[in-house]
Amino acid sequence: MMAPPGRAGAEWFRDEARKLGIELMPNPLDVGVRVEVPKYVMDPVTNLYMDPKIIMYTRSHDDKVRTFCVNPGGFRCNGEV
């Protein structure tokens, strides 16, 4: 079963799961940060995999850090369309 209620439905989802006796296990919070680099920096990776998932662990706290999505050769819009 899939039920993606998002943040707005998190409390509802929790309550429904409790009613059904389903145990919930919280996941770590994901925080997104946009990193832009020249295309040539990522070319060796994106030429092999269009949307690579890069995972690393921080030295200080061993936190898992990962990429969400990659836009090879893409561009950004300054809000003017």
Foldseek 3Di string as FASTA:
>chain_A
DDDCPPPVCPVVVVVVCVVVVHDDDDDDDDDDDDDDDPLVVCCVPCVPPVWDWDWDADPPPRDIDIDDGDDRPDDDDPPDD
